[in-house]
Amino acid sequence: MHHLHQVKAGLCLAVILGSLHLAWAVLVASGWAQIVTDFILRLHFIQLDYVIEAFNVSTALLLIAITASIGFVVGWGFARLWNSLHK
């Protein structure tokens, strides 16, 4: 079996999750987040009463940093588990 590099796997998942949340922050900043979320929920036959709050740079940066960090830890852990199971 192929050996996974733990740091590369962690960085890969960190970039993916960080990028997704960066895209969300851009949607919030542009004012499109409410429209997109309403549309997606409507497609799933879901109706909720909620409001997307105003954009805040520090909150957006914290969101991106936390999700990227979680992505790194999960990716690193997955690669470590994969390598230990395929020795």
PDB file of N, CA and C in Angstrom:
ATOM      1  N   MET A   1       0.838  -1.194   0.000  1.00  0.00           N
ATOM      2  CA  MET A   1       0.000   0.000   0.000  1.00  0.00           C
ATOM      3  C   MET A   1       0.877   1.250   0.000  1.00  0.00           C
ATOM      4  N   HIS A   2       0.315   2.311  -0.484  1.00  0.00           N
ATOM      5  CA  HIS A   2       1.027   3.575  -0.600  1.00  0.00           C
ATOM      6  C   HIS A   2       1.091   4.288   0.750  1.00  0.00           C
ATOM      7  N   HIS A   3       2.275   4.780   1.086  1.00  0.00           N
ATOM      8  CA  HIS A   3       2.486   5.530   2.323  1.00  0.00           C
ATOM      9  C   HIS A   3       2.016   6.970   2.131  1.00  0.00           C
ATOM     10  N   LEU A   4       1.225   7.499   3.082  1.00  0.00           N
ATOM     11  CA  LEU A   4       0.767   8.883   3.013  1.00  0.00           C
ATOM     12  C   LEU A   4       1.662   9.769   3.871  1.00  0.00           C
ATOM     13  N   HIS A   5       2.042  10.899   3.328  1.00  0.00           N
ATOM     14  CA  HIS A   5       2.834  11.877   4.084  1.00  0.00           C
ATOM     15  C   HIS A   5       1.867  12.636   4.983  1.00  0.00           C
ATOM     16  N   GLN A   6       2.049  12.542   6.283  1.00  0.00           N
ATOM     17  CA  GLN A   6       1.092  13.095   7.242  1.00  0.00           C
ATOM     18  C   GLN A   6       0.944  14.609   7.125  1.00  0.00           C
ATOM     19  N   VAL A   7       2.042  15.322   6.988  1.00  0.00           N
ATOM     20  CA  VAL A   7       1.974  16.786   6.903  1.00  0.00           C
ATOM     21  C   VAL A   7       1.288  17.207   5.599  1.00  0.00           C
ATOM     22  N   LYS A   8       1.612  16.544   4.488  1.00  0.00           N
ATOM     23  CA  LYS A   8       0.980  16.883   3.211  1.00  0.00           C
ATOM     24  C   LYS A   8      -0.516  16.602   3.255  1.00  0.00           C
ATOM     25  N   ALA A   9      -0.907  15.492   3.861  1.00  0.00           N
ATOM     26  CA  ALA A   9      -2.331  15.176   3.982  1.00  0.00           C
ATOM     27  C   ALA A   9      -3.033  16.207   4.854  1.00  0.00           C
ATOM     28  N   GLY A  10      -2.387  16.608   5.934  1.00  0.00           N
ATOM     29  CA  GLY A  10      -2.951  17.634   6.804  1.00  0.00           C
ATOM     30  C   GLY A  10      -3.094  18.964   6.094  1.00  0.00           C
ATOM     31  N   LEU A  11      -2.065  19.368   5.356  1.00  0.00           N
ATOM     32  CA  LEU A  11      -2.119  20.624   4.619  1.00  0.00           C
ATOM     33  C   LEU A  11      -3.183  20.592   3.524  1.00  0.00           C
ATOM     34  N   CYS A  12      -3.324  19.459   2.881  1.00  0.00           N
ATOM     35  CA  CYS A  12      -4.317  19.318   1.818  1.00  0.00           C
ATOM     36  C   CYS A  12      -5.725  19.542   2.375  1.00  0.00           C
ATOM     37  N   LEU A  13      -6.058  18.873   3.449  1.00  0.00           N
ATOM     38  CA  LEU A  13      -7.392  19.040   4.034  1.00  0.00           C
ATOM     39  C   LEU A  13      -7.562  20.423   4.645  1.00  0.00           C
ATOM     40  N   ALA A  14      -6.493  20.993   5.189  1.00  0.00           N
ATOM     41  CA  ALA A  14      -6.562  22.352   5.734  1.00  0.00           C
ATOM     42  C   ALA A  14      -6.884  23.352   4.628  1.00  0.00           C
ATOM     43  N   VAL A  15      -6.260  23.197   3.473  1.00  0.00           N
ATOM     44  CA  VAL A  15      -6.513  24.106   2.351  1.00  0.00           C
ATOM     45  C   VAL A  15      -7.946  23.942   1.842  1.00  0.00           C
ATOM     46  N   ILE A  16      -8.415  22.706   1.762  1.00  0.00           N
ATOM     47  CA  ILE A  16      -9.782  22.472   1.280  1.00  0.00           C
ATOM     48  C   ILE A  16     -10.797  23.109   2.225  1.00  0.00           C
ATOM     49  N   LEU A  17     -10.709  22.800   3.509  1.00  0.00           N
ATOM     50  CA  LEU A  17     -11.686  23.343   4.462  1.00  0.00           C
ATOM     51  C   LEU A  17     -11.543  24.857   4.601  1.00  0.00           C
ATOM     52  N   GLY A  18     -10.322  25.351   4.628  1.00  0.00           N
ATOM     53  CA  GLY A  18     -10.102  26.792   4.715  1.00  0.00           C
ATOM     54  C   GLY A  18     -10.668  27.515   3.498  1.00  0.00           C
ATOM     55  N   SER A  19     -10.482  26.937   2.313  1.00  0.00           N
ATOM     56  CA  SER A  19     -10.998  27.543   1.085  1.00  0.00           C
ATOM     57  C   SER A  19     -12.521  27.568   1.052  1.00  0.00           C
ATOM     58  N   LEU A  20     -13.144  26.494   1.502  1.00  0.00           N
ATOM     59  CA  LEU A  20     -14.610  26.464   1.551  1.00  0.00           C
ATOM     60  C   LEU A  20     -15.148  27.551   2.472  1.00  0.00           C
ATOM     61  N   HIS A  21     -14.499  27.738   3.603  1.00  0.00           N
ATOM     62  CA  HIS A  21     -14.962  28.752   4.547  1.00  0.00           C
ATOM     63  C   HIS A  21     -14.571  30.161   4.101  1.00  0.00           C
ATOM     64  N   LEU A  22     -13.503  30.292   3.348  1.00  0.00           N
ATOM     65  CA  LEU A  22     -13.186  31.574   2.724  1.00  0.00           C
ATOM     66  C   LEU A  22     -14.274  31.937   1.719  1.00  0.00           C
ATOM     67  N   ALA A  23     -14.714  30.954   0.936  1.00  0.00           N
ATOM     68  CA  ALA A  23     -15.797  31.192  -0.025  1.00  0.00           C
ATOM     69  C   ALA A  23     -17.068  31.621   0.701  1.00  0.00           C
ATOM     70  N   TRP A  24     -17.367  30.988   1.832  1.00  0.00           N
ATOM     71  CA  TRP A  24     -18.537  31.370   2.617  1.00  0.00           C
ATOM     72  C   TRP A  24     -18.398  32.815   3.115  1.00  0.00           C
ATOM     73  N   ALA A  25     -17.215  33.183   3.599  1.00  0.00           N
ATOM     74  CA  ALA A  25     -16.989  34.540   4.079  1.00  0.00           C
ATOM     75  C   ALA A  25     -17.165  35.557   2.950  1.00  0.00           C
ATOM     76  N   VAL A  26     -16.730  35.197   1.745  1.00  0.00           N
ATOM     77  CA  VAL A  26     -16.916  36.075   0.591  1.00  0.00           C
ATOM     78  C   VAL A  26     -18.397  36.230   0.277  1.00  0.00           C
ATOM     79  N   LEU A  27     -19.151  35.129   0.368  1.00  0.00           N
ATOM     80  CA  LEU A  27     -20.604  35.208   0.158  1.00  0.00           C
ATOM     81  C   LEU A  27     -21.261  36.132   1.182  1.00  0.00           C
ATOM     82  N   VAL A  28     -20.859  36.014   2.431  1.00  0.00           N
ATOM     83  CA  VAL A  28     -21.421  36.874   3.485  1.00  0.00           C
ATOM     84  C   VAL A  28     -21.050  38.332   3.210  1.00  0.00           C
ATOM     85  N   ALA A  29     -19.792  38.587   2.878  1.00  0.00           N
ATOM     86  CA  ALA A  29     -19.337  39.956   2.634  1.00  0.00           C
ATOM     87  C   ALA A  29     -20.028  40.582   1.421  1.00  0.00           C
ATOM     88  N   SER A  30     -20.339  39.757   0.428  1.00  0.00           N
ATOM     89  CA  SER A  30     -20.967  40.277  -0.790  1.00  0.00           C
ATOM     90  C   SER A  30     -22.478  40.440  -0.661  1.00  0.00           C
ATOM     91  N   GLY A  31     -23.047  39.868   0.418  1.00  0.00           N
ATOM     92  CA  GLY A  31     -24.489  39.960   0.602  1.00  0.00           C
ATOM     93  C   GLY A  31     -25.268  38.841  -0.058  1.00  0.00           C
ATOM     94  N   TRP A  32     -24.577  37.867  -0.626  1.00  0.00           N
ATOM     95  CA  TRP A  32     -25.230  36.759  -1.312  1.00  0.00           C
ATOM     96  C   TRP A  32     -25.479  35.541  -0.427  1.00  0.00           C
ATOM     97  N   ALA A  33     -24.961  35.513   0.774  1.00  0.00           N
ATOM     98  CA  ALA A  33     -25.064  34.319   1.623  1.00  0.00           C
ATOM     99  C   ALA A  33     -26.509  33.962   1.946  1.00  0.00           C
ATOM    100  N   GLN A  34     -27.328  34.945   2.275  1.00  0.00           N
ATOM    101  CA  GLN A  34     -28.725  34.682   2.613  1.00  0.00           C
ATOM    102  C   GLN A  34     -29.467  34.090   1.413  1.00  0.00           C
ATOM    103  N   ILE A  35     -29.242  34.651   0.246  1.00  0.00           N
ATOM    104  CA  ILE A  35     -29.917  34.185  -0.971  1.00  0.00           C
ATOM    105  C   ILE A  35     -29.497  32.757  -1.303  1.00  0.00           C
ATOM    106  N   VAL A  36     -28.200  32.477  -1.254  1.00  0.00           N
ATOM    107  CA  VAL A  36     -27.688  31.141  -1.580  1.00  0.00           C
ATOM    108  C   VAL A  36     -28.196  30.114  -0.568  1.00  0.00           C
ATOM    109  N   THR A  37     -28.136  30.465   0.708  1.00  0.00           N
ATOM    110  CA  THR A  37     -28.586  29.533   1.747  1.00  0.00           C
ATOM    111  C   THR A  37     -30.080  29.266   1.626  1.00  0.00           C
ATOM    112  N   ASP A  38     -30.872  30.302   1.410  1.00  0.00           N
ATOM    113  CA  ASP A  38     -32.315  30.109   1.211  1.00  0.00           C
ATOM    114  C   ASP A  38     -32.584  29.180   0.036  1.00  0.00           C
ATOM    115  N   PHE A  39     -31.867  29.377  -1.062  1.00  0.00           N
ATOM    116  CA  PHE A  39     -32.041  28.547  -2.246  1.00  0.00           C
ATOM    117  C   PHE A  39     -31.696  27.076  -1.964  1.00  0.00           C
ATOM    118  N   ILE A  40     -30.547  26.848  -1.318  1.00  0.00           N
ATOM    119  CA  ILE A  40     -30.122  25.470  -1.028  1.00  0.00           C
ATOM    120  C   ILE A  40     -31.110  24.774  -0.095  1.00  0.00           C
ATOM    121  N   LEU A  41     -31.552  25.482   0.935  1.00  0.00           N
ATOM    122  CA  LEU A  41     -32.511  24.877   1.858  1.00  0.00           C
ATOM    123  C   LEU A  41     -33.839  24.590   1.164  1.00  0.00           C
ATOM    124  N   ARG A  42     -34.286  25.496   0.307  1.00  0.00           N
ATOM    125  CA  ARG A  42     -35.535  25.296  -0.422  1.00  0.00           C
ATOM    126  C   ARG A  42     -35.442  24.054  -1.306  1.00  0.00           C
ATOM    127  N   LEU A  43     -34.281  23.821  -1.908  1.00  0.00           N
ATOM    128  CA  LEU A  43     -34.081  22.622  -2.728  1.00  0.00           C
ATOM    129  C   LEU A  43     -34.224  21.340  -1.914  1.00  0.00           C
ATOM    130  N   HIS A  44     -33.967  21.443  -0.605  1.00  0.00           N
ATOM    131  CA  HIS A  44     -34.058  20.279   0.282  1.00  0.00           C
ATOM    132  C   HIS A  44     -35.370  20.257   1.070  1.00  0.00           C
ATOM    133  N   PHE A  45     -36.325  21.075   0.647  1.00  0.00           N
ATOM    134  CA  PHE A  45     -37.642  21.140   1.290  1.00  0.00           C
ATOM    135  C   PHE A  45     -37.546  21.558   2.752  1.00  0.00           C
ATOM    136  N   ILE A  46     -36.635  22.467   3.039  1.00  0.00           N
ATOM    137  CA  ILE A  46     -36.429  22.936   4.407  1.00  0.00           C
ATOM    138  C   ILE A  46     -36.745  24.426   4.468  1.00  0.00           C
ATOM    139  N   GLN A  47     -37.504  24.812   5.478  1.00  0.00           N
ATOM    140  CA  GLN A  47     -37.786  26.225   5.704  1.00  0.00           C
ATOM    141  C   GLN A  47     -37.434  26.553   7.146  1.00  0.00           C
ATOM    142  N   LEU A  48     -36.466  27.439   7.321  1.00  0.00           N
ATOM    143  CA  LEU A  48     -36.018  27.842   8.644  1.00  0.00           C
ATOM    144  C   LEU A  48     -36.122  29.355   8.768  1.00  0.00           C
ATOM    145  N   ASP A  49     -36.335  29.822   9.975  1.00  0.00           N
ATOM    146  CA  ASP A  49     -36.298  31.252  10.240  1.00  0.00           C
ATOM    147  C   ASP A  49     -34.916  31.589  10.795  1.00  0.00           C
ATOM    148  N   TYR A  50     -34.088  32.192   9.999  1.00  0.00           N
ATOM    149  CA  TYR A  50     -32.735  32.555  10.395  1.00  0.00           C
ATOM    150  C   TYR A  50     -32.312  33.770   9.583  1.00  0.00           C
ATOM    151  N   VAL A  51     -31.303  34.440  10.048  1.00  0.00           N
ATOM    152  CA  VAL A  51     -30.768  35.599   9.351  1.00  0.00           C
ATOM    153  C   VAL A  51     -29.246  35.508   9.366  1.00  0.00           C
ATOM    154  N   ILE A  52     -28.634  35.694   8.201  1.00  0.00           N
ATOM    155  CA  ILE A  52     -27.179  35.748   8.123  1.00  0.00           C
ATOM    156  C   ILE A  52     -26.750  37.109   8.669  1.00  0.00           C
ATOM    157  N   GLU A  53     -25.856  37.105   9.630  1.00  0.00           N
ATOM    158  CA  GLU A  53     -25.416  38.357  10.257  1.00  0.00           C
ATOM    159  C   GLU A  53     -24.505  39.160   9.333  1.00  0.00           C
ATOM    160  N   ALA A  54     -24.271  40.383   9.712  1.00  0.00           N
ATOM    161  CA  ALA A  54     -23.385  41.261   8.943  1.00  0.00           C
ATOM    162  C   ALA A  54     -21.961  40.721   8.966  1.00  0.00           C
ATOM    163  N   PHE A  55     -21.238  40.990   7.900  1.00  0.00           N
ATOM    164  CA  PHE A  55     -19.863  40.527   7.778  1.00  0.00           C
ATOM    165  C   PHE A  55     -18.967  41.220   8.796  1.00  0.00           C
ATOM    166  N   ASN A  56     -18.062  40.428   9.394  1.00  0.00           N
ATOM    167  CA  ASN A  56     -17.088  40.945  10.347  1.00  0.00           C
ATOM    168  C   ASN A  56     -15.748  40.294  10.007  1.00  0.00           C
ATOM    169  N   VAL A  57     -14.754  41.088   9.703  1.00  0.00           N
ATOM    170  CA  VAL A  57     -13.461  40.563   9.255  1.00  0.00           C
ATOM    171  C   VAL A  57     -12.825  39.644  10.292  1.00  0.00           C
ATOM    172  N   SER A  58     -12.821  40.044  11.557  1.00  0.00           N
ATOM    173  CA  SER A  58     -12.169  39.216  12.577  1.00  0.00           C
ATOM    174  C   SER A  58     -12.894  37.885  12.760  1.00  0.00           C
ATOM    175  N   THR A  59     -14.213  37.889  12.666  1.00  0.00           N
ATOM    176  CA  THR A  59     -14.966  36.632  12.769  1.00  0.00           C
ATOM    177  C   THR A  59     -14.662  35.739  11.572  1.00  0.00           C
ATOM    178  N   ALA A  60     -14.585  36.331  10.380  1.00  0.00           N
ATOM    179  CA  ALA A  60     -14.281  35.561   9.175  1.00  0.00           C
ATOM    180  C   ALA A  60     -12.890  34.936   9.261  1.00  0.00           C
ATOM    181  N   LEU A  61     -11.905  35.704   9.712  1.00  0.00           N
ATOM    182  CA  LEU A  61     -10.544  35.171   9.845  1.00  0.00           C
ATOM    183  C   LEU A  61     -10.475  34.058  10.881  1.00  0.00           C
ATOM    184  N   LEU A  62     -11.210  34.227  11.976  1.00  0.00           N
ATOM    185  CA  LEU A  62     -11.255  33.190  13.005  1.00  0.00           C
ATOM    186  C   LEU A  62     -11.901  31.913  12.461  1.00  0.00           C
ATOM    187  N   LEU A  63     -12.994  32.067  11.714  1.00  0.00           N
ATOM    188  CA  LEU A  63     -13.663  30.915  11.098  1.00  0.00           C
ATOM    189  C   LEU A  63     -12.706  30.154  10.185  1.00  0.00           C
ATOM    190  N   ILE A  64     -12.009  30.881   9.330  1.00  0.00           N
ATOM    191  CA  ILE A  64     -11.086  30.249   8.380  1.00  0.00           C
ATOM    192  C   ILE A  64      -9.921  29.585   9.114  1.00  0.00           C
ATOM    193  N   ALA A  65      -9.365  30.250  10.116  1.00  0.00           N
ATOM    194  CA  ALA A  65      -8.229  29.695  10.864  1.00  0.00           C
ATOM    195  C   ALA A  65      -8.620  28.431  11.630  1.00  0.00           C
ATOM    196  N   ILE A  66      -9.779  28.463  12.275  1.00  0.00           N
ATOM    197  CA  ILE A  66     -10.205  27.301  13.060  1.00  0.00           C
ATOM    198  C   ILE A  66     -10.500  26.111  12.151  1.00  0.00           C
ATOM    199  N   THR A  67     -11.240  26.340  11.053  1.00  0.00           N
ATOM    200  CA  THR A  67     -11.568  25.215  10.178  1.00  0.00           C
ATOM    201  C   THR A  67     -10.329  24.672   9.474  1.00  0.00           C
ATOM    202  N   ALA A  68      -9.396  25.544   9.101  1.00  0.00           N
ATOM    203  CA  ALA A  68      -8.156  25.063   8.487  1.00  0.00           C
ATOM    204  C   ALA A  68      -7.341  24.254   9.499  1.00  0.00           C
ATOM    205  N   SER A  69      -7.314  24.693  10.747  1.00  0.00           N
ATOM    206  CA  SER A  69      -6.594  23.952  11.793  1.00  0.00           C
ATOM    207  C   SER A  69      -7.217  22.585  12.027  1.00  0.00           C
ATOM    208  N   ILE A  70      -8.526  22.550  12.083  1.00  0.00           N
ATOM    209  CA  ILE A  70      -9.224  21.267  12.247  1.00  0.00           C
ATOM    210  C   ILE A  70      -8.939  20.372  11.048  1.00  0.00           C
ATOM    211  N   GLY A  71      -8.947  20.950   9.854  1.00  0.00           N
ATOM    212  CA  GLY A  71      -8.628  20.180   8.650  1.00  0.00           C
ATOM    213  C   GLY A  71      -7.235  19.591   8.709  1.00  0.00           C
ATOM    214  N   PHE A  72      -6.270  20.382   9.184  1.00  0.00           N
ATOM    215  CA  PHE A  72      -4.909  19.874   9.290  1.00  0.00           C
ATOM    216  C   PHE A  72      -4.849  18.691  10.260  1.00  0.00           C
ATOM    217  N   VAL A  73      -5.459  18.835  11.415  1.00  0.00           N
ATOM    218  CA  VAL A  73      -5.424  17.771  12.428  1.00  0.00           C
ATOM    219  C   VAL A  73      -6.104  16.504  11.907  1.00  0.00           C
ATOM    220  N   VAL A  74      -7.252  16.657  11.273  1.00  0.00           N
ATOM    221  CA  VAL A  74      -7.973  15.489  10.747  1.00  0.00           C
ATOM    222  C   VAL A  74      -7.189  14.832   9.616  1.00  0.00           C
ATOM    223  N   GLY A  75      -6.645  15.622   8.704  1.00  0.00           N
ATOM    224  CA  GLY A  75      -5.846  15.067   7.611  1.00  0.00           C
ATOM    225  C   GLY A  75      -4.598  14.367   8.119  1.00  0.00           C
ATOM    226  N   TRP A  76      -3.919  14.995   9.068  1.00  0.00           N
ATOM    227  CA  TRP A  76      -2.724  14.400   9.673  1.00  0.00           C
ATOM    228  C   TRP A  76      -3.088  13.081  10.374  1.00  0.00           C
ATOM    229  N   GLY A  77      -4.175  13.117  11.137  1.00  0.00           N
ATOM    230  CA  GLY A  77      -4.607  11.913  11.859  1.00  0.00           C
ATOM    231  C   GLY A  77      -5.017  10.790  10.917  1.00  0.00           C
ATOM    232  N   PHE A  78      -5.717  11.139   9.830  1.00  0.00           N
ATOM    233  CA  PHE A  78      -6.106  10.123   8.857  1.00  0.00           C
ATOM    234  C   PHE A  78      -4.872   9.477   8.239  1.00  0.00           C
ATOM    235  N   ALA A  79      -3.891  10.285   7.850  1.00  0.00           N
ATOM    236  CA  ALA A  79      -2.679   9.732   7.244  1.00  0.00           C
ATOM    237  C   ALA A  79      -1.927   8.849   8.231  1.00  0.00           C
ATOM    238  N   ARG A  80      -1.881   9.268   9.478  1.00  0.00           N
ATOM    239  CA  ARG A  80      -1.208   8.448  10.504  1.00  0.00           C
ATOM    240  C   ARG A  80      -1.917   7.112  10.684  1.00  0.00           C
ATOM    241  N   LEU A  81      -3.243   7.164  10.753  1.00  0.00           N
ATOM    242  CA  LEU A  81      -4.020   5.929  10.874  1.00  0.00           C
ATOM    243  C   LEU A  81      -3.839   5.041   9.653  1.00  0.00           C
ATOM    244  N   TRP A  82      -3.912   5.640   8.460  1.00  0.00           N
ATOM    245  CA  TRP A  82      -3.727   4.894   7.226  1.00  0.00           C
ATOM    246  C   TRP A  82      -2.367   4.189   7.203  1.00  0.00           C
ATOM    247  N   ASN A  83      -1.330   4.937   7.552  1.00  0.00           N
ATOM    248  CA  ASN A  83       0.018   4.360   7.544  1.00  0.00           C
ATOM    249  C   ASN A  83       0.161   3.248   8.567  1.00  0.00           C
ATOM    250  N   SER A  84      -0.462   3.399   9.736  1.00  0.00           N
ATOM    251  CA  SER A  84      -0.330   2.361  10.762  1.00  0.00           C
ATOM    252  C   SER A  84      -1.105   1.096  10.381  1.00  0.00           C
ATOM    253  N   LEU A  85      -2.191   1.249   9.634  1.00  0.00           N
ATOM    254  CA  LEU A  85      -2.984   0.088   9.233  1.00  0.00           C
ATOM    255  C   LEU A  85      -2.410  -0.624   8.004  1.00  0.00           C
ATOM    256  N   HIS A  86      -1.510   0.028   7.278  1.00  0.00           N
ATOM    257  CA  HIS A  86      -0.975  -0.547   6.054  1.00  0.00           C
ATOM    258  C   HIS A  86       0.535  -0.733   6.106  1.00  0.00           C
ATOM    259  N   LYS A  87       1.020  -1.215   7.243  1.00  0.00           N
ATOM    260  CA  LYS A  87       2.452  -1.489   7.383  1.00  0.00           C
ATOM    261  C   LYS A  87       2.773  -2.853   6.818  1.00  0.00           C
TER     262      LYS A  87
END
